[in-house]
Structures are given as C-alpha cells and as structure tokens.
Amino acid sequence: MVERVRKTAVLFPGQGSQYVGMGKDFYTHFKEAREIFNQANEILGFDIAALCFQGRQEELNKTSVCQPAILVTSLAILEVLKRNPAGSGSECQAAAGLSLGEYTAHVAAGSIAFQDAVRLVCKRGLFMQEACNANPGGMVSVIGLEDEKAEQICAEMMSMGVICAANYNSPGQVVISGEKPLLEKASILAKERGARMVVPLKVDGAFHSDLMISARDKLAKELEATPVLRPSIPVVANIYAKYVREPDEIKASLSKQLNSPVRWHQSISLLIQNGFNQFYEIGPGKTLAGLMKRIDANQEIKSIDTIEAFENIGKSN
C-alpha cells in the first residue's frame, strides 16, 4: 500500500478562542514558551502572561487584551513545536489564520518579526476597541443558510445603514456584522428564509464591517511603518482566500481585513485543492478543528493547545 504524501499546513485561531489558563502548561514546562511570554510582557508593558493564566475572563475578553494574548499564546506553542519537532510543527508548508490569526501565520512564515507582530496586534486591538466605542454594533452567526441567502438579506438592508456578511466560517455558517437594529431585522429574515439558528456573538462591535473603517485607517499607518518580508512559506490572506507573497500586498490585506469579510472556508478549500492533507491548529481552543469538520470531514486536523495534545501528536506520528 502506497503511503499518502503528507502536505502540512498550520492554522491559527482568532478572537473568541481565549480562555483563562491558556498556554500556562507550556509556560511551566518549556523554557522557549517562557521566553516568548516574557518578551511579550516587555514589548507590551504589562503582564500578558498573568492575564492569560490567572486573569478574569471578562478582562481577557476585551478586544484590546485578547488579541495580543491569543497571538502570544499561539506563538509560544509554535516555538515549542519548532524546538521539539516530534509533532511536525517545524515541517509546515503553508500557514493561515482566522482574522487575528493571520498575524500569527505571518510570524510563522517569517514575513513579520515577533516583536512587530506583538506591537501591531496590540494597536489593532486598541483601534478596534475605539471603533467599537465610537460606532456601536454587533455580530450574529447564521447557521443553516446558504451564503447567497445571507448576502441577499444584507443587500436588501444596506440602504438603512451598515450591515454585511463578515465571516464565511464553513458551508452553512455565515456571520453577519453591522448596526444592532439592522442585525435584529436580519435575524428575523434569516429565520423566515430557513436558517436553523441565529446566535448573537459575544463581541464588542461590528468587526469586518465598515464600522471598522477608522480602525483600518489607523492600522494602515502602523503597517506602513512596519518592516514586512516575503514569507518563507505561502500564507493565505482571509480577504482574498488566496496566497499573499509581496510585502505591499501583505500590508494591504492586513489593513483591509478590518472592514472586509473573512473567507475562511474558501481559504481552507484553497489549501485542500493544493494538496494539503494534514492540518495543525496551534493556539487556544478547537474552533478551527470544528470548522474543518464542516468544511471537509475527511481532512486530518489536530488541535494543539495543551501539553497533553502536544504529546499525543508526537506519539501518533
């Protein structure tokens, strides 16, 4: 029997995957994880490790806190994988990340330095928090409705204000983002048109919509001043569901991402079409593994957010 050629991609989670205690066992057991957290503490000027390990969930959930917290936790775990390659973490041939996770993917690919990514993501979180405060909004997850029907609902209401399809998570799961009165109307329409469920998300505002334009413009200036290199492995950009390779293209994709939809299931489909058949979700939670099951249940994906999961990966390869 011919063994299937493994082609490995690493995936990094985004906002919403945070939980108190994330990364603590890696910090306790691995010097390389401690170094990542300690460097981040210095760059940020506050104790991100303490917030991750024993902070209050309400504090960790703040956009300005959870974004650097998730990035740093994911990169600490990645560093352990790279130095202890039993889990094949050092052999990945492509990277992708959900929204915020795209920054982690660029660090993994060498296109953005760790120190710059921590600074950028901290500012990204602050800019988004400011936009949320200035332009209140929200997001709802629509489950069991085709993409086109969700887009049609948004199109019908655009003349009333800001509303759009913001996250294409998996076939039959679209997140709509916008002003709260419009989200309420959209939720009713979605149910009338066949949605199984409509779930309001616990987020501070209308991410990936035009209510984030002020944050996008501020972030674009920060990105412009940040050194960005060509990645050593292909990185999939959320907004295009295509690989980005040139520094200017990477900067543009990361700033536009704030008010553009995240095409996650299209991004994963691109990797699968390109022969990727082994995926590692590196960072807190198992959200991306759950989405993968709905995108293509035949794909092999392993989530690494605890030492136990890391050790099991070593054994299974």
Protein backbone atom coordinates (compact mmCIF):
# COMPACT_ATOMS: atom_id res chain seq x y z
CA MET A 1 0.00 0.00 0.00
CA VAL A 2 1.41 3.38 -1.06
CA GLU A 3 1.59 5.81 1.84
CA ARG A 4 -0.11 9.12 1.17
CA VAL A 5 2.29 12.05 0.82
CA ARG A 6 1.69 14.39 3.74
CA LYS A 7 1.44 18.08 2.99
CA THR A 8 1.15 20.07 6.22
CA ALA A 9 -0.39 23.47 6.93
CA VAL A 10 -0.57 25.27 10.28
CA LEU A 11 -3.71 27.19 11.24
CA PHE A 12 -4.00 29.85 13.92
CA PRO A 13 -7.17 30.85 15.80
CA GLY A 14 -8.67 34.32 16.12
CA GLN A 15 -10.59 36.35 18.66
CA GLY A 16 -13.11 34.33 20.65
CA SER A 17 -10.79 31.37 21.29
CA GLN A 18 -9.35 32.88 24.51
CA TYR A 19 -9.82 31.24 27.91
CA VAL A 20 -8.20 31.76 31.31
CA GLY A 21 -5.32 29.30 31.71
CA MET A 22 -4.39 29.16 28.03
CA GLY A 23 -0.70 28.45 27.47
CA LYS A 24 0.05 28.00 31.17
CA ASP A 25 1.25 24.38 30.96
CA PHE A 26 3.60 25.23 28.07
CA TYR A 27 4.97 28.20 30.06
CA THR A 28 5.51 25.95 33.10
CA HIS A 29 7.26 23.13 31.25
CA PHE A 30 9.15 24.76 28.36
CA LYS A 31 11.83 27.46 28.54
CA GLU A 32 11.12 28.53 24.94
CA ALA A 33 7.46 29.25 25.81
CA ARG A 34 8.54 31.30 28.85
CA GLU A 35 10.87 33.32 26.63
CA ILE A 36 8.02 34.20 24.26
CA PHE A 37 5.70 35.33 27.07
CA ASN A 38 8.48 37.26 28.83
CA GLN A 39 9.47 39.07 25.62
CA ALA A 40 5.81 39.95 25.03
CA ASN A 41 5.49 41.33 28.58
CA GLU A 42 8.41 43.67 27.87
CA ILE A 43 7.07 44.82 24.50
CA LEU A 44 3.53 45.41 25.79
CA GLY A 45 4.49 46.97 29.12
CA PHE A 46 2.02 44.82 31.03
CA ASP A 47 1.90 41.20 32.21
CA ILE A 48 0.13 39.37 29.39
CA ALA A 49 1.16 36.03 30.92
CA ALA A 50 -0.68 36.80 34.18
CA LEU A 51 -3.81 37.82 32.23
CA CYS A 52 -3.69 34.56 30.23
CA PHE A 53 -3.01 32.28 33.18
CA GLN A 54 -4.99 33.72 36.07
CA GLY A 55 -6.78 36.85 34.90
CA ARG A 56 -10.53 37.31 34.93
CA GLN A 57 -12.37 36.07 31.84
CA GLU A 58 -14.11 39.48 31.50
CA GLU A 59 -10.73 41.20 31.32
CA LEU A 60 -9.32 38.63 28.89
CA ASN A 61 -12.37 39.04 26.63
CA LYS A 62 -11.62 42.72 25.97
CA THR A 63 -10.64 43.22 22.34
CA SER A 64 -7.52 45.18 23.33
CA VAL A 65 -6.36 42.34 25.64
CA CYS A 66 -7.43 39.11 23.97
CA GLN A 67 -5.81 39.91 20.61
CA PRO A 68 -2.20 40.09 21.88
CA ALA A 69 -2.99 37.29 24.37
CA ILE A 70 -4.08 34.85 21.64
CA LEU A 71 -1.16 35.80 19.37
CA VAL A 72 1.42 35.30 22.12
CA THR A 73 -0.09 32.02 23.35
CA SER A 74 -0.18 30.63 19.81
CA LEU A 75 3.43 31.65 19.14
CA ALA A 76 4.63 30.19 22.45
CA ILE A 77 3.11 26.83 21.49
CA LEU A 78 4.55 27.12 17.96
CA GLU A 79 8.02 27.76 19.40
CA VAL A 80 7.76 24.58 21.49
CA LEU A 81 6.75 22.65 18.36
CA LYS A 82 9.66 24.06 16.36
CA ARG A 83 12.23 23.17 19.04
CA ASN A 84 10.68 19.75 19.69
CA PRO A 85 9.80 18.61 16.17
CA ALA A 86 8.12 15.31 17.09
CA GLY A 87 4.81 16.95 16.23
CA SER A 88 5.98 18.03 12.72
CA GLY A 89 5.43 21.65 13.72
CA SER A 90 8.70 22.57 12.04
CA GLU A 91 7.76 20.93 8.74
CA CYS A 92 4.75 23.00 7.74
CA GLN A 93 4.50 24.08 4.11
CA ALA A 94 1.76 26.74 4.37
CA ALA A 95 0.03 28.85 7.01
CA ALA A 96 -3.32 30.53 7.53
CA GLY A 97 -5.06 32.26 10.42
CA LEU A 98 -8.60 33.32 11.20
CA SER A 99 -8.68 37.14 11.20
CA LEU A 100 -6.27 38.00 14.06
CA GLY A 101 -4.64 34.58 13.46
CA GLU A 102 -3.33 35.82 10.12
CA TYR A 103 -0.71 37.85 12.02
CA THR A 104 0.41 34.67 13.78
CA ALA A 105 0.63 32.97 10.38
CA HIS A 106 2.93 35.74 9.11
CA VAL A 107 5.22 35.36 12.13
CA ALA A 108 5.33 31.60 11.50
CA ALA A 109 6.23 32.30 7.85
CA GLY A 110 8.92 34.85 8.75
CA SER A 111 7.21 37.77 6.99
CA ILE A 112 6.60 39.74 10.21
CA ALA A 113 9.00 39.74 13.18
CA PHE A 114 7.61 38.59 16.53
CA GLN A 115 8.23 41.96 18.21
CA ASP A 116 6.50 43.84 15.37
CA ALA A 117 3.51 41.45 15.39
CA VAL A 118 3.00 41.91 19.15
CA ARG A 119 3.07 45.71 18.77
CA LEU A 120 0.79 45.67 15.72
CA VAL A 121 -1.76 43.34 17.26
CA CYS A 122 -1.84 45.35 20.49
CA LYS A 123 -2.57 48.50 18.46
CA ARG A 124 -5.05 46.62 16.25
CA GLY A 125 -6.99 45.62 19.38
CA LEU A 126 -6.94 49.19 20.75
CA PHE A 127 -8.03 50.70 17.41
CA MET A 128 -10.85 48.17 17.09
CA GLN A 129 -11.94 48.85 20.69
CA GLU A 130 -12.01 52.60 19.93
CA ALA A 131 -14.09 51.97 16.79
CA CYS A 132 -16.49 49.78 18.79
CA ASN A 133 -16.94 52.54 21.38
CA ALA A 134 -17.48 55.22 18.71
CA ASN A 135 -19.71 53.12 16.42
CA PRO A 136 -21.67 50.54 18.44
CA GLY A 137 -22.61 47.39 16.58
CA GLY A 138 -22.61 43.62 16.85
CA MET A 139 -22.43 40.29 15.04
CA VAL A 140 -24.75 37.30 14.67
CA SER A 141 -23.92 33.80 13.46
CA VAL A 142 -26.46 32.48 10.94
CA ILE A 143 -26.49 28.69 10.80
CA GLY A 144 -28.17 26.58 8.14
CA LEU A 145 -28.48 29.23 5.42
CA GLU A 146 -26.58 29.36 2.13
CA ASP A 147 -24.01 32.15 1.69
CA GLU A 148 -26.04 33.70 -1.12
CA LYS A 149 -29.19 33.98 1.02
CA ALA A 150 -27.28 35.67 3.85
CA GLU A 151 -25.71 38.08 1.34
CA GLN A 152 -29.15 38.80 -0.14
CA ILE A 153 -30.54 39.72 3.30
CA CYS A 154 -27.65 42.17 3.81
CA ALA A 155 -28.09 43.62 0.31
CA GLU A 156 -31.77 44.31 0.99
CA MET A 157 -30.92 46.30 4.12
CA MET A 158 -27.77 48.18 3.08
CA SER A 159 -29.71 51.38 2.30
CA MET A 160 -30.75 51.51 6.00
CA GLY A 161 -27.20 51.52 7.40
CA VAL A 162 -24.14 49.30 7.85
CA ILE A 163 -24.71 45.54 7.56
CA CYS A 164 -22.70 42.87 5.73
CA ALA A 165 -21.64 39.24 5.61
CA ALA A 166 -18.47 39.30 7.72
CA ASN A 167 -17.25 35.72 8.22
CA TYR A 168 -17.71 32.77 5.89
CA ASN A 169 -16.78 30.18 8.53
CA SER A 170 -18.00 26.97 6.89
CA PRO A 171 -20.67 25.99 4.38
CA GLY A 172 -23.96 26.91 6.03
CA GLN A 173 -22.42 29.18 8.67
CA VAL A 174 -22.12 32.89 7.91
CA VAL A 175 -21.60 35.66 10.44
CA ILE A 176 -23.40 38.94 9.74
CA SER A 177 -21.96 42.16 11.15
CA GLY A 178 -23.44 45.63 11.49
CA GLU A 179 -25.63 48.05 13.41
CA LYS A 180 -27.73 46.36 16.09
CA PRO A 181 -31.22 47.40 14.87
CA LEU A 182 -30.37 46.01 11.42
CA LEU A 183 -28.98 42.79 12.92
CA GLU A 184 -32.30 42.27 14.71
CA LYS A 185 -34.20 42.62 11.42
CA ALA A 186 -31.68 40.41 9.61
CA SER A 187 -32.05 37.73 12.29
CA ILE A 188 -35.83 37.62 11.76
CA LEU A 189 -35.43 37.47 7.97
CA ALA A 190 -32.80 34.70 8.22
CA LYS A 191 -35.15 32.53 10.29
CA GLU A 192 -38.05 33.21 7.90
CA ARG A 193 -35.85 32.13 4.98
CA GLY A 194 -34.77 28.84 6.50
CA ALA A 195 -31.90 29.44 8.94
CA ARG A 196 -31.76 26.74 11.62
CA MET A 197 -30.32 29.08 14.23
CA VAL A 198 -29.27 32.70 14.63
CA VAL A 199 -26.84 33.23 17.51
CA PRO A 200 -25.72 36.70 18.71
CA LEU A 201 -21.93 36.67 19.27
CA LYS A 202 -20.28 37.97 22.45
CA VAL A 203 -18.13 40.59 20.75
CA ASP A 204 -17.59 44.30 21.40
CA GLY A 205 -18.69 45.51 17.98
CA ALA A 206 -19.26 45.02 14.27
CA PHE A 207 -15.93 43.52 13.19
CA HIS A 208 -15.17 43.15 9.47
CA SER A 209 -17.74 45.82 8.57
CA ASP A 210 -17.50 49.50 7.59
CA LEU A 211 -17.99 50.43 11.26
CA MET A 212 -14.27 49.48 11.49
CA ILE A 213 -13.04 51.96 8.85
CA SER A 214 -11.48 54.29 11.45
CA ALA A 215 -9.53 51.33 12.89
CA ARG A 216 -8.48 50.23 9.40
CA ASP A 217 -7.07 53.66 8.56
CA LYS A 218 -5.07 53.87 11.80
CA LEU A 219 -3.78 50.32 11.37
CA ALA A 220 -2.75 51.01 7.76
CA LYS A 221 -0.37 53.73 9.01
CA GLU A 222 1.16 51.35 11.56
CA LEU A 223 1.58 48.64 8.90
CA GLU A 224 3.18 51.13 6.52
CA ALA A 225 5.92 51.79 9.09
CA THR A 226 6.47 48.07 9.82
CA PRO A 227 9.14 46.00 8.01
CA VAL A 228 7.47 43.12 6.14
CA LEU A 229 9.37 40.45 4.19
CA ARG A 230 8.34 37.85 1.64
CA PRO A 231 7.10 34.79 3.58
CA SER A 232 9.20 31.62 3.56
CA ILE A 233 6.04 29.53 3.07
CA PRO A 234 2.72 30.50 1.41
CA VAL A 235 0.29 32.41 3.67
CA VAL A 236 -3.40 32.56 2.79
CA ALA A 237 -5.00 36.01 3.13
CA ASN A 238 -8.52 35.94 4.60
CA ILE A 239 -9.96 38.65 2.41
CA TYR A 240 -8.94 37.07 -0.91
CA ALA A 241 -8.75 33.36 0.02
CA LYS A 242 -5.51 33.49 -1.99
CA TYR A 243 -1.81 33.39 -1.14
CA VAL A 244 -0.06 36.70 -0.49
CA ARG A 245 3.68 36.94 -1.11
CA GLU A 246 4.73 40.56 -1.71
CA PRO A 247 5.26 42.86 1.32
CA ASP A 248 2.93 45.60 -0.01
CA GLU A 249 0.26 43.01 -0.75
CA ILE A 250 0.57 41.63 2.80
CA LYS A 251 0.25 45.10 4.36
CA ALA A 252 -2.80 45.92 2.24
CA SER A 253 -4.51 42.61 3.03
CA LEU A 254 -3.99 43.03 6.79
CA SER A 255 -5.41 46.57 6.90
CA LYS A 256 -8.34 45.86 4.53
CA GLN A 257 -9.16 42.80 6.63
CA LEU A 258 -10.70 45.04 9.33
CA ASN A 259 -13.65 46.06 7.15
CA SER A 260 -13.71 43.12 4.73
CA PRO A 261 -15.16 39.62 5.13
CA VAL A 262 -13.08 36.70 6.40
CA ARG A 263 -13.32 33.99 3.73
CA TRP A 264 -12.29 31.13 5.97
CA HIS A 265 -13.90 28.14 4.33
CA GLN A 266 -12.75 29.38 0.92
CA SER A 267 -9.19 29.72 2.33
CA ILE A 268 -9.25 26.16 3.67
CA SER A 269 -10.70 24.92 0.36
CA LEU A 270 -7.75 26.53 -1.45
CA LEU A 271 -5.27 24.61 0.74
CA ILE A 272 -7.15 21.34 0.21
CA GLN A 273 -7.24 21.92 -3.58
CA ASN A 274 -3.47 22.49 -3.43
CA GLY A 275 -2.95 19.06 -1.89
CA PHE A 276 -2.71 19.95 1.82
CA ASN A 277 -3.99 16.99 3.83
CA GLN A 278 -2.57 17.42 7.33
CA PHE A 279 -3.50 20.43 9.45
CA TYR A 280 -2.42 21.62 12.90
CA GLU A 281 -4.48 24.16 14.80
CA ILE A 282 -1.95 25.89 17.03
CA GLY A 283 -3.25 28.07 19.83
CA PRO A 284 -6.13 28.23 22.29
CA GLY A 285 -9.32 26.26 21.67
CA LYS A 286 -10.54 23.91 18.97
CA THR A 287 -12.70 26.26 16.91
CA LEU A 288 -10.81 25.70 13.66
CA ALA A 289 -10.97 21.92 14.02
CA GLY A 290 -14.74 22.23 14.45
CA LEU A 291 -15.00 24.34 11.29
CA MET A 292 -12.80 21.88 9.38
CA LYS A 293 -15.24 19.05 10.13
CA ARG A 294 -17.97 21.08 8.42
CA ILE A 295 -15.75 22.18 5.52
CA ASP A 296 -14.31 18.71 4.76
CA ALA A 297 -14.76 15.95 7.35
CA ASN A 298 -12.15 13.78 5.59
CA GLN A 299 -9.28 16.10 6.45
CA GLU A 300 -6.86 15.29 9.27
CA ILE A 301 -6.63 18.15 11.78
CA LYS A 302 -5.13 18.18 15.26
CA SER A 303 -5.56 20.97 17.79
CA ILE A 304 -2.57 21.75 19.99
CA ASP A 305 -3.45 23.93 22.96
CA THR A 306 -2.29 21.71 25.85
CA ILE A 307 0.83 19.68 26.58
CA GLU A 308 -1.29 16.53 26.53
CA ALA A 309 -2.37 17.28 22.95
CA PHE A 310 1.25 18.08 22.02
CA GLU A 311 2.49 14.76 23.45
CA ASN A 312 -0.24 12.80 21.71
CA ILE A 313 0.75 14.32 18.39
CA GLY A 314 4.30 13.14 18.96
CA LYS A 315 3.06 9.61 19.59
CA SER A 316 0.66 9.50 16.66
CA ASN A 317 3.24 10.49 14.05
